[in-house]
Amino acid sequence: MAQYFFDTSALVKRYRAEQGTDVVDRLFADAGSTFVISRLGIVETVSALALKVRAGELSLDDYAVSRKKFLGEIGRTNFSIVRLLVAHCRNAERLIDRYSPSQRFRTLDALQLSTASDLRQQGRIDTFVCADEPLCEVASQEGLAVLNPLALP
């Protein structure tokens, strides 16, 4: 049974057809898999969908449909939602100190990765699903198994 932690960059592909959506849909089609997101991922996903409206990539009506589908899945507990802990914030600070001076590695990325790393250490996830190449690189450097839906056919 696969245990996936979804970063927002990959999760948003479930709610808007774009490159990588087919890979994400295949992951969700496996009834034996579990899907984990952080509490931060809820806010980030709604924000990412709204950004696509501002960028002209998504109509306001399609935004409303995508948002409703996402929040509906959250309500039906298709995801295990993990809260952010002080320890995640502290580890995110360590990650930023280590990686941000030399590569693009943002605050929210650090929080997501810190949470995923903690869950991996607990045996609660085995794969970090992410469509942000710089974040995928850092996650790999931190020892996580990474699945980038943009890198698969």
Protein backbone atom coordinates (compact mmCIF):
# COMPACT_ATOMS: atom_id res chain seq x y z
CA MET A 1 0.00 0.00 0.00
CA ALA A 2 1.52 3.33 -1.10
CA GLN A 3 1.47 6.28 1.29
CA TYR A 4 1.75 9.63 -0.48
CA PHE A 5 2.35 13.10 0.93
CA PHE A 6 1.14 15.71 -1.57
CA ASP A 7 2.79 19.09 -1.91
CA THR A 8 0.40 21.73 -3.25
CA SER A 9 2.24 21.92 -6.58
CA ALA A 10 1.09 18.37 -7.33
CA LEU A 11 -2.22 18.39 -5.46
CA VAL A 12 -3.64 21.27 -7.49
CA LYS A 13 -3.37 19.06 -10.59
CA ARG A 14 -6.22 16.96 -9.20
CA TYR A 15 -8.58 19.94 -9.42
CA ARG A 16 -7.52 21.53 -12.70
CA ALA A 17 -6.56 19.71 -15.89
CA GLU A 18 -2.95 20.53 -16.73
CA GLN A 19 0.32 18.76 -17.38
CA GLY A 20 0.72 16.01 -14.78
CA THR A 21 -3.00 15.64 -14.02
CA ASP A 22 -3.10 12.18 -15.60
CA VAL A 23 -0.32 10.96 -13.28
CA VAL A 24 -2.03 12.39 -10.19
CA ASP A 25 -5.35 10.84 -11.25
CA ARG A 26 -3.65 7.42 -11.59
CA LEU A 27 -2.31 7.71 -8.03
CA PHE A 28 -5.77 8.52 -6.68
CA ALA A 29 -7.29 5.63 -8.65
CA ASP A 30 -5.39 3.13 -6.48
CA ALA A 31 -7.89 2.33 -3.73
CA GLY A 32 -5.17 0.83 -1.54
CA SER A 33 -3.15 4.04 -1.32
CA THR A 34 -3.30 6.68 1.38
CA PHE A 35 -3.00 10.41 0.77
CA VAL A 36 -1.63 12.86 3.29
CA ILE A 37 -1.52 16.65 3.19
CA SER A 38 -0.60 19.22 5.77
CA ARG A 39 -3.10 21.70 7.17
CA LEU A 40 -1.03 24.28 5.27
CA GLY A 41 -1.79 22.38 2.07
CA ILE A 42 -5.49 23.21 2.37
CA VAL A 43 -4.88 26.95 2.42
CA GLU A 44 -2.16 26.71 -0.21
CA THR A 45 -4.33 24.73 -2.62
CA VAL A 46 -7.22 27.20 -2.49
CA SER A 47 -4.71 30.02 -2.91
CA ALA A 48 -3.05 28.28 -5.89
CA LEU A 49 -6.42 27.87 -7.59
CA ALA A 50 -7.22 31.56 -6.99
CA LEU A 51 -3.83 32.49 -8.46
CA LYS A 52 -4.78 30.64 -11.63
CA VAL A 53 -7.88 32.85 -11.89
CA ARG A 54 -5.76 36.00 -11.56
CA ALA A 55 -3.34 34.62 -14.17
CA GLY A 56 -6.22 34.01 -16.60
CA GLU A 57 -5.68 30.24 -16.55
CA LEU A 58 -8.96 29.43 -14.80
CA SER A 59 -12.35 31.11 -15.00
CA LEU A 60 -14.06 32.24 -11.82
CA ASP A 61 -16.77 29.60 -12.39
CA ASP A 62 -14.17 26.85 -12.85
CA TYR A 63 -12.40 28.09 -9.72
CA ALA A 64 -15.63 27.69 -7.75
CA VAL A 65 -16.10 24.14 -9.07
CA SER A 66 -12.48 23.16 -8.38
CA ARG A 67 -12.54 24.66 -4.89
CA LYS A 68 -15.81 22.89 -4.07
CA LYS A 69 -14.44 19.54 -5.32
CA PHE A 70 -11.27 19.97 -3.25
CA LEU A 71 -13.04 21.00 -0.05
CA GLY A 72 -15.56 18.21 -0.59
CA GLU A 73 -12.79 15.65 -0.72
CA ILE A 74 -11.31 17.14 2.44
CA GLY A 75 -14.73 16.83 4.10
CA ARG A 76 -15.10 13.20 3.01
CA THR A 77 -11.67 12.47 4.52
CA ASN A 78 -10.08 11.31 1.28
CA PHE A 79 -6.97 12.80 2.86
CA SER A 80 -5.27 12.42 6.16
CA ILE A 81 -4.61 15.99 7.27
CA VAL A 82 -1.58 16.63 9.44
CA ARG A 83 -1.25 19.71 11.59
CA LEU A 84 1.89 21.80 11.64
CA LEU A 85 3.90 21.49 14.83
CA VAL A 86 6.51 23.73 16.41
CA ALA A 87 9.04 21.01 15.55
CA HIS A 88 8.08 21.32 11.86
CA CYS A 89 8.72 25.07 12.01
CA ARG A 90 12.09 24.57 13.67
CA ASN A 91 13.11 22.00 11.10
CA ALA A 92 11.89 24.31 8.32
CA GLU A 93 14.24 26.99 9.69
CA ARG A 94 17.10 24.49 9.52
CA LEU A 95 16.19 23.57 5.96
CA ILE A 96 16.04 27.23 4.90
CA ASP A 97 19.42 27.88 6.50
CA ARG A 98 20.88 24.90 4.66
CA TYR A 99 19.36 25.33 1.19
CA SER A 100 18.05 28.86 0.61
CA PRO A 101 21.41 30.60 0.34
CA SER A 102 22.30 28.56 -2.74
CA GLN A 103 19.02 27.58 -4.41
CA ARG A 104 15.36 28.56 -4.71
CA PHE A 105 13.75 27.18 -1.59
CA ARG A 106 10.84 29.12 -0.14
CA THR A 107 9.28 29.32 3.30
CA LEU A 108 6.12 27.34 2.54
CA ASP A 109 8.18 24.74 0.69
CA ALA A 110 10.32 24.34 3.81
CA LEU A 111 7.24 23.86 5.98
CA GLN A 112 5.76 21.27 3.62
CA LEU A 113 9.05 19.40 3.33
CA SER A 114 9.63 19.50 7.08
CA THR A 115 6.20 17.98 7.66
CA ALA A 116 6.75 15.30 5.03
CA SER A 117 10.19 14.44 6.46
CA ASP A 118 8.70 13.99 9.92
CA LEU A 119 5.95 11.73 8.55
CA ARG A 120 8.49 9.65 6.64
CA GLN A 121 10.53 9.17 9.84
CA GLN A 122 7.35 7.98 11.55
CA GLY A 123 6.66 5.53 8.71
CA ARG A 124 3.42 7.31 7.80
CA ILE A 125 4.45 8.16 4.21
CA ASP A 126 6.81 6.66 1.70
CA THR A 127 6.62 9.10 -1.22
CA PHE A 128 6.68 12.90 -1.50
CA VAL A 129 4.58 13.95 -4.52
CA CYS A 130 5.66 17.32 -5.85
CA ALA A 131 5.65 19.15 -9.21
CA ASP A 132 8.07 21.92 -8.17
CA GLU A 133 11.49 20.88 -9.50
CA PRO A 134 13.60 22.90 -7.02
CA LEU A 135 11.57 21.49 -4.12
CA CYS A 136 11.88 17.98 -5.57
CA GLU A 137 15.65 18.42 -5.63
CA VAL A 138 15.82 19.50 -1.99
CA ALA A 139 13.47 16.68 -0.96
CA SER A 140 15.74 14.18 -2.69
CA GLN A 141 18.76 15.67 -0.95
CA GLU A 142 16.90 15.20 2.33
CA GLY A 143 16.42 11.52 1.55
CA LEU A 144 12.76 11.44 0.55
CA ALA A 145 11.50 9.31 -2.31
CA VAL A 146 10.09 11.87 -4.75
CA LEU A 147 7.47 11.47 -7.44
CA ASN A 148 7.18 14.42 -9.82
CA PRO A 149 4.03 14.06 -11.96
CA LEU A 150 5.62 16.31 -14.59
CA ALA A 151 8.50 13.89 -15.05
CA LEU A 152 6.37 10.82 -15.81
CA PRO A 153 4.53 9.91 -19.01
